């Protein structure tokens, strides 16, 4: 009987040990999974923090550049107005030959062009000087596409419209938002360097924002250029095609409306500009 009791106790003890081992093994697996999940969360949070820091540094950089550019623009604007006034007076009062008249007209035209550039620079820092009003976003986009119809058709570019089923009403300075969308579409058109391509425009209504996405099948943007595309005077185009002000002015307009403008791109895979605005 003693022997039987001893064997029974030993089997019970072995069973208890086995059960304990199973529990320990299960807990170990759970701890490993928790540790893996925790590490993943830490990695994601670290990545998010680095991205946020990068965006903050970029925003501060743009803000500083905007203030500097506005100040310089103001200093250039005063003497330019003086030069333009003198040239206009000479044109009205002087009896010049045809050759000199053409040169004078060319000089005045160049002064006017410099004035427009200065206004664009000032818009970078003061983007919402106009009056905000409610307007139909889809109608405005259609009007811009109508303006670009000839350029797009010449390059056999197909425009795909993925508009939200419901109309979207935005409270903003309409001509400024049109300027932004026009600039983004022109960039997309120029990025499609060969004949044939696609530009897809999508709109979406969220709780407090509307999102406009413009994707092209163009050449894309190099990774080393992505951080600089919204900076004034930065351009990958030739001097004949661009001044490097379009995206920086657009960024300033969107920021002044309380919105966001970001770009996603890979070389040879096209570019997507995502514009969000409060409704």
Foldseek 3Di string as FASTA:
>chain_A
DVVVVVVVVVVVVVVVVVVVVVVVVVVVVVVVVVVVVVVVVVVVVVVVVVVVVLVVVLVVVLQVLLVVLLVVLVVVVVVLVVVLVVLVVCLVPPDDDPVVNVVSVVVNVVSVVSNVVSVLSNCLNVVAPDAWDKDWPVVLLVVLCVVCVVVCVVLQEAEAEAEDPDIDIDTGDSVLVSLLSNLVVVVQSVQAPHRYWYWYWYWDDDDFKIKIKIWIQGQWDDPVCQSPLLPAQDDPDDPVPDRSRSNVSSQSNLVNQVKGWHKDTDGSRTIMIMIMGGD
